[in-house]
Amino acid sequence: MWVVTVINAYSRENNIIMFEFKTEREARETFVKLQNHKIFSEIICCYNPASPLAVN
């Protein structure tokens, strides 16, 4: 999963908006078009039920 985060630091509320994409291409195309401060991230989820951090 790919996420583009847009931060509008100039608004009174300091809005943060996140957009999720299934493909990198989709995310990159949107990233180029967006205004303001932005962050491009790849989210990698790993789930291991044997991990001591796993919650039942």
PDB file of N, CA and C in Angstrom:
ATOM      1  N   MET A   1       0.856  -1.165   0.000  1.00  0.00           N
ATOM      2  CA  MET A   1       0.000   0.000   0.000  1.00  0.00           C
ATOM      3  C   MET A   1       0.903   1.230   0.000  1.00  0.00           C
ATOM      4  N   TRP A   2       0.454   2.242  -0.684  1.00  0.00           N
ATOM      5  CA  TRP A   2       1.184   3.505  -0.780  1.00  0.00           C
ATOM      6  C   TRP A   2       0.323   4.617  -0.206  1.00  0.00           C
ATOM      7  N   VAL A   3       0.945   5.544   0.509  1.00  0.00           N
ATOM      8  CA  VAL A   3       0.215   6.637   1.149  1.00  0.00           C
ATOM      9  C   VAL A   3       0.874   7.961   0.781  1.00  0.00           C
ATOM     10  N   VAL A   4       0.039   8.927   0.417  1.00  0.00           N
ATOM     11  CA  VAL A   4       0.493  10.300   0.213  1.00  0.00           C
ATOM     12  C   VAL A   4      -0.154  11.129   1.311  1.00  0.00           C
ATOM     13  N   THR A   5       0.676  11.794   2.099  1.00  0.00           N
ATOM     14  CA  THR A   5       0.194  12.638   3.191  1.00  0.00           C
ATOM     15  C   THR A   5       0.422  14.093   2.802  1.00  0.00           C
ATOM     16  N   VAL A   6      -0.623  14.894   2.904  1.00  0.00           N
ATOM     17  CA  VAL A   6      -0.537  16.317   2.571  1.00  0.00           C
ATOM     18  C   VAL A   6      -0.737  17.115   3.851  1.00  0.00           C
ATOM     19  N   ILE A   7       0.187  18.028   4.118  1.00  0.00           N
ATOM     20  CA  ILE A   7       0.121  18.850   5.323  1.00  0.00           C
ATOM     21  C   ILE A   7      -0.048  20.299   4.902  1.00  0.00           C
ATOM     22  N   ASN A   8      -1.156  20.900   5.298  1.00  0.00           N
ATOM     23  CA  ASN A   8      -1.409  22.306   4.998  1.00  0.00           C
ATOM     24  C   ASN A   8      -1.054  23.112   6.243  1.00  0.00           C
ATOM     25  N   ALA A   9       0.205  23.484   6.360  1.00  0.00           N
ATOM     26  CA  ALA A   9       0.700  24.176   7.545  1.00  0.00           C
ATOM     27  C   ALA A   9       0.230  25.621   7.630  1.00  0.00           C
ATOM     28  N   TYR A  10      -0.345  26.122   6.545  1.00  0.00           N
ATOM     29  CA  TYR A  10      -0.742  27.527   6.533  1.00  0.00           C
ATOM     30  C   TYR A  10      -2.199  27.738   6.922  1.00  0.00           C
ATOM     31  N   SER A  11      -2.940  26.675   7.157  1.00  0.00           N
ATOM     32  CA  SER A  11      -4.327  26.834   7.589  1.00  0.00           C
ATOM     33  C   SER A  11      -4.361  26.944   9.110  1.00  0.00           C
ATOM     34  N   ARG A  12      -5.427  27.439   9.637  1.00  0.00           N
ATOM     35  CA  ARG A  12      -5.559  27.572  11.094  1.00  0.00           C
ATOM     36  C   ARG A  12      -5.582  26.218  11.791  1.00  0.00           C
ATOM     37  N   GLU A  13      -6.135  25.220  11.118  1.00  0.00           N
ATOM     38  CA  GLU A  13      -6.283  23.900  11.725  1.00  0.00           C
ATOM     39  C   GLU A  13      -5.074  22.998  11.502  1.00  0.00           C
ATOM     40  N   ASN A  14      -4.097  23.440  10.699  1.00  0.00           N
ATOM     41  CA  ASN A  14      -2.963  22.587  10.320  1.00  0.00           C
ATOM     42  C   ASN A  14      -3.457  21.239   9.818  1.00  0.00           C
ATOM     43  N   ASN A  15      -4.279  21.269   8.782  1.00  0.00           N
ATOM     44  CA  ASN A  15      -4.904  20.058   8.244  1.00  0.00           C
ATOM     45  C   ASN A  15      -3.881  19.051   7.747  1.00  0.00           C
ATOM     46  N   ILE A  16      -4.146  17.788   8.045  1.00  0.00           N
ATOM     47  CA  ILE A  16      -3.369  16.673   7.517  1.00  0.00           C
ATOM     48  C   ILE A  16      -4.350  15.750   6.816  1.00  0.00           C
ATOM     49  N   ILE A  17      -4.083  15.458   5.544  1.00  0.00           N
ATOM     50  CA  ILE A  17      -4.958  14.595   4.753  1.00  0.00           C
ATOM     51  C   ILE A  17      -4.110  13.453   4.209  1.00  0.00           C
ATOM     52  N   MET A  18      -4.630  12.228   4.317  1.00  0.00           N
ATOM     53  CA  MET A  18      -3.909  11.050   3.825  1.00  0.00           C
ATOM     54  C   MET A  18      -4.716  10.368   2.731  1.00  0.00           C
ATOM     55  N   PHE A  19      -4.024  10.009   1.651  1.00  0.00           N
ATOM     56  CA  PHE A  19      -4.637   9.291   0.538  1.00  0.00           C
ATOM     57  C   PHE A  19      -3.948   7.937   0.413  1.00  0.00           C
ATOM     58  N   GLU A  20      -4.718   6.865   0.304  1.00  0.00           N
ATOM     59  CA  GLU A  20      -4.164   5.517   0.160  1.00  0.00           C
ATOM     60  C   GLU A  20      -4.290   5.044  -1.285  1.00  0.00           C
ATOM     61  N   PHE A  21      -3.256   4.342  -1.758  1.00  0.00           N
ATOM     62  CA  PHE A  21      -3.237   3.815  -3.120  1.00  0.00           C
ATOM     63  C   PHE A  21      -2.732   2.386  -3.102  1.00  0.00           C
ATOM     64  N   LYS A  22      -3.224   1.587  -4.037  1.00  0.00           N
ATOM     65  CA  LYS A  22      -2.774   0.195  -4.145  1.00  0.00           C
ATOM     66  C   LYS A  22      -1.489   0.073  -4.946  1.00  0.00           C
ATOM     67  N   THR A  23      -1.264   0.992  -5.883  1.00  0.00           N
ATOM     68  CA  THR A  23      -0.065   0.900  -6.721  1.00  0.00           C
ATOM     69  C   THR A  23       0.822   2.128  -6.545  1.00  0.00           C
ATOM     70  N   GLU A  24       2.108   1.920  -6.736  1.00  0.00           N
ATOM     71  CA  GLU A  24       3.063   3.021  -6.638  1.00  0.00           C
ATOM     72  C   GLU A  24       2.817   4.042  -7.742  1.00  0.00           C
ATOM     73  N   ARG A  25       2.500   3.567  -8.926  1.00  0.00           N
ATOM     74  CA  ARG A  25       2.268   4.468 -10.061  1.00  0.00           C
ATOM     75  C   ARG A  25       1.129   5.441  -9.770  1.00  0.00           C
ATOM     76  N   GLU A  26       0.025   4.907  -9.272  1.00  0.00           N
ATOM     77  CA  GLU A  26      -1.137   5.734  -8.917  1.00  0.00           C
ATOM     78  C   GLU A  26      -0.746   6.795  -7.889  1.00  0.00           C
ATOM     79  N   ALA A  27      -0.004   6.369  -6.881  1.00  0.00           N
ATOM     80  CA  ALA A  27       0.401   7.278  -5.808  1.00  0.00           C
ATOM     81  C   ALA A  27       1.335   8.364  -6.330  1.00  0.00           C
ATOM     82  N   ARG A  28       2.290   7.989  -7.151  1.00  0.00           N
ATOM     83  CA  ARG A  28       3.244   8.976  -7.688  1.00  0.00           C
ATOM     84  C   ARG A  28       2.564  10.010  -8.581  1.00  0.00           C
ATOM     85  N   GLU A  29       1.613   9.566  -9.395  1.00  0.00           N
ATOM     86  CA  GLU A  29       0.884  10.500 -10.262  1.00  0.00           C
ATOM     87  C   GLU A  29       0.128  11.532  -9.434  1.00  0.00           C
ATOM     88  N   THR A  30      -0.495  11.084  -8.374  1.00  0.00           N
ATOM     89  CA  THR A  30      -1.232  11.996  -7.500  1.00  0.00           C
ATOM     90  C   THR A  30      -0.274  12.906  -6.748  1.00  0.00           C
ATOM     91  N   PHE A  31       0.837  12.358  -6.272  1.00  0.00           N
ATOM     92  CA  PHE A  31       1.835  13.116  -5.518  1.00  0.00           C
ATOM     93  C   PHE A  31       2.312  14.331  -6.304  1.00  0.00           C
ATOM     94  N   VAL A  32       2.559  14.152  -7.583  1.00  0.00           N
ATOM     95  CA  VAL A  32       3.047  15.239  -8.442  1.00  0.00           C
ATOM     96  C   VAL A  32       2.008  16.352  -8.558  1.00  0.00           C
ATOM     97  N   LYS A  33       0.738  15.997  -8.571  1.00  0.00           N
ATOM     98  CA  LYS A  33      -0.338  16.975  -8.778  1.00  0.00           C
ATOM     99  C   LYS A  33      -0.703  17.764  -7.523  1.00  0.00           C
ATOM    100  N   LEU A  34      -0.404  17.233  -6.354  1.00  0.00           N
ATOM    101  CA  LEU A  34      -0.848  17.864  -5.109  1.00  0.00           C
ATOM    102  C   LEU A  34      -0.001  19.072  -4.732  1.00  0.00           C
ATOM    103  N   GLN A  35      -0.624  20.015  -4.030  1.00  0.00           N
ATOM    104  CA  GLN A  35       0.031  21.226  -3.547  1.00  0.00           C
ATOM    105  C   GLN A  35       0.400  21.053  -2.070  1.00  0.00           C
ATOM    106  N   ASN A  36       1.067  22.045  -1.504  1.00  0.00           N
ATOM    107  CA  ASN A  36       1.464  22.097  -0.093  1.00  0.00           C
ATOM    108  C   ASN A  36       2.586  21.107   0.206  1.00  0.00           C
ATOM    109  N   HIS A  37       2.879  20.943   1.470  1.00  0.00           N
ATOM    110  CA  HIS A  37       3.914  20.010   1.910  1.00  0.00           C
ATOM    111  C   HIS A  37       3.352  18.604   1.824  1.00  0.00           C
ATOM    112  N   LYS A  38       4.140  17.670   1.316  1.00  0.00           N
ATOM    113  CA  LYS A  38       3.621  16.325   1.116  1.00  0.00           C
ATOM    114  C   LYS A  38       4.690  15.278   1.405  1.00  0.00           C
ATOM    115  N   ILE A  39       4.228  14.103   1.792  1.00  0.00           N
ATOM    116  CA  ILE A  39       5.106  12.982   2.126  1.00  0.00           C
ATOM    117  C   ILE A  39       4.627  11.769   1.344  1.00  0.00           C
ATOM    118  N   PHE A  40       5.558  11.052   0.738  1.00  0.00           N
ATOM    119  CA  PHE A  40       5.249   9.859  -0.054  1.00  0.00           C
ATOM    120  C   PHE A  40       5.772   8.653   0.717  1.00  0.00           C
ATOM    121  N   SER A  41       4.906   7.685   1.038  1.00  0.00           N
ATOM    122  CA  SER A  41       5.305   6.557   1.881  1.00  0.00           C
ATOM    123  C   SER A  41       4.824   5.231   1.321  1.00  0.00           C
ATOM    124  N   GLU A  42       5.639   4.210   1.524  1.00  0.00           N
ATOM    125  CA  GLU A  42       5.199   2.843   1.247  1.00  0.00           C
ATOM    126  C   GLU A  42       4.940   2.186   2.595  1.00  0.00           C
ATOM    127  N   ILE A  43       3.771   1.586   2.746  1.00  0.00           N
ATOM    128  CA  ILE A  43       3.398   0.924   3.991  1.00  0.00           C
ATOM    129  C   ILE A  43       3.555  -0.578   3.790  1.00  0.00           C
ATOM    130  N   ILE A  44       4.374  -1.183   4.612  1.00  0.00           N
ATOM    131  CA  ILE A  44       4.580  -2.624   4.548  1.00  0.00           C
ATOM    132  C   ILE A  44       4.062  -3.217   5.850  1.00  0.00           C
ATOM    133  N   CYS A  45       3.096  -4.100   5.743  1.00  0.00           N
ATOM    134  CA  CYS A  45       2.507  -4.733   6.924  1.00  0.00           C
ATOM    135  C   CYS A  45       3.004  -6.166   7.021  1.00  0.00           C
ATOM    136  N   CYS A  46       3.583  -6.485   8.146  1.00  0.00           N
ATOM    137  CA  CYS A  46       4.039  -7.851   8.398  1.00  0.00           C
ATOM    138  C   CYS A  46       3.311  -8.358   9.632  1.00  0.00           C
ATOM    139  N   TYR A  47       2.700  -9.503   9.514  1.00  0.00           N
ATOM    140  CA  TYR A  47       1.981 -10.073  10.647  1.00  0.00           C
ATOM    141  C   TYR A  47       2.557 -11.441  10.943  1.00  0.00           C
ATOM    142  N   ASN A  48       3.079 -11.602  12.128  1.00  0.00           N
ATOM    143  CA  ASN A  48       3.619 -12.877  12.566  1.00  0.00           C
ATOM    144  C   ASN A  48       2.938 -13.241  13.877  1.00  0.00           C
ATOM    145  N   PRO A  49       1.993 -14.188  13.870  1.00  0.00           N
ATOM    146  CA  PRO A  49       1.270 -14.536  15.096  1.00  0.00           C
ATOM    147  C   PRO A  49       2.173 -15.119  16.177  1.00  0.00           C
ATOM    148  N   ALA A  50       3.365 -15.590  15.832  1.00  0.00           N
ATOM    149  CA  ALA A  50       4.283 -16.144  16.824  1.00  0.00           C
ATOM    150  C   ALA A  50       5.085 -15.053  17.535  1.00  0.00           C
ATOM    151  N   SER A  51       4.964 -13.834  17.069  1.00  0.00           N
ATOM    152  CA  SER A  51       5.709 -12.725  17.650  1.00  0.00           C
ATOM    153  C   SER A  51       5.224 -12.434  19.063  1.00  0.00           C
ATOM    154  N   PRO A  52       6.141 -12.096  19.977  1.00  0.00           N
ATOM    155  CA  PRO A  52       5.714 -11.744  21.343  1.00  0.00           C
ATOM    156  C   PRO A  52       4.885 -10.460  21.379  1.00  0.00           C
ATOM    157  N   LEU A  53       4.900  -9.681  20.298  1.00  0.00           N
ATOM    158  CA  LEU A  53       4.112  -8.453  20.249  1.00  0.00           C
ATOM    159  C   LEU A  53       2.695  -8.686  19.751  1.00  0.00           C
ATOM    160  N   ALA A  54       2.397  -9.897  19.283  1.00  0.00           N
ATOM    161  CA  ALA A  54       1.060 -10.204  18.770  1.00  0.00           C
ATOM    162  C   ALA A  54       0.040 -10.115  19.897  1.00  0.00           C
ATOM    163  N   VAL A  55      -1.095  -9.504  19.601  1.00  0.00           N
ATOM    164  CA  VAL A  55      -2.168  -9.340  20.585  1.00  0.00           C
ATOM    165  C   VAL A  55      -3.279 -10.326  20.254  1.00  0.00           C
ATOM    166  N   ASN A  56      -3.738 -11.038  21.264  1.00  0.00           N
ATOM    167  CA  ASN A  56      -4.837 -11.998  21.051  1.00  0.00           C
ATOM    168  C   ASN A  56      -6.169 -11.358  21.320  1.00  0.00           C
TER     169      ASN A  56
END
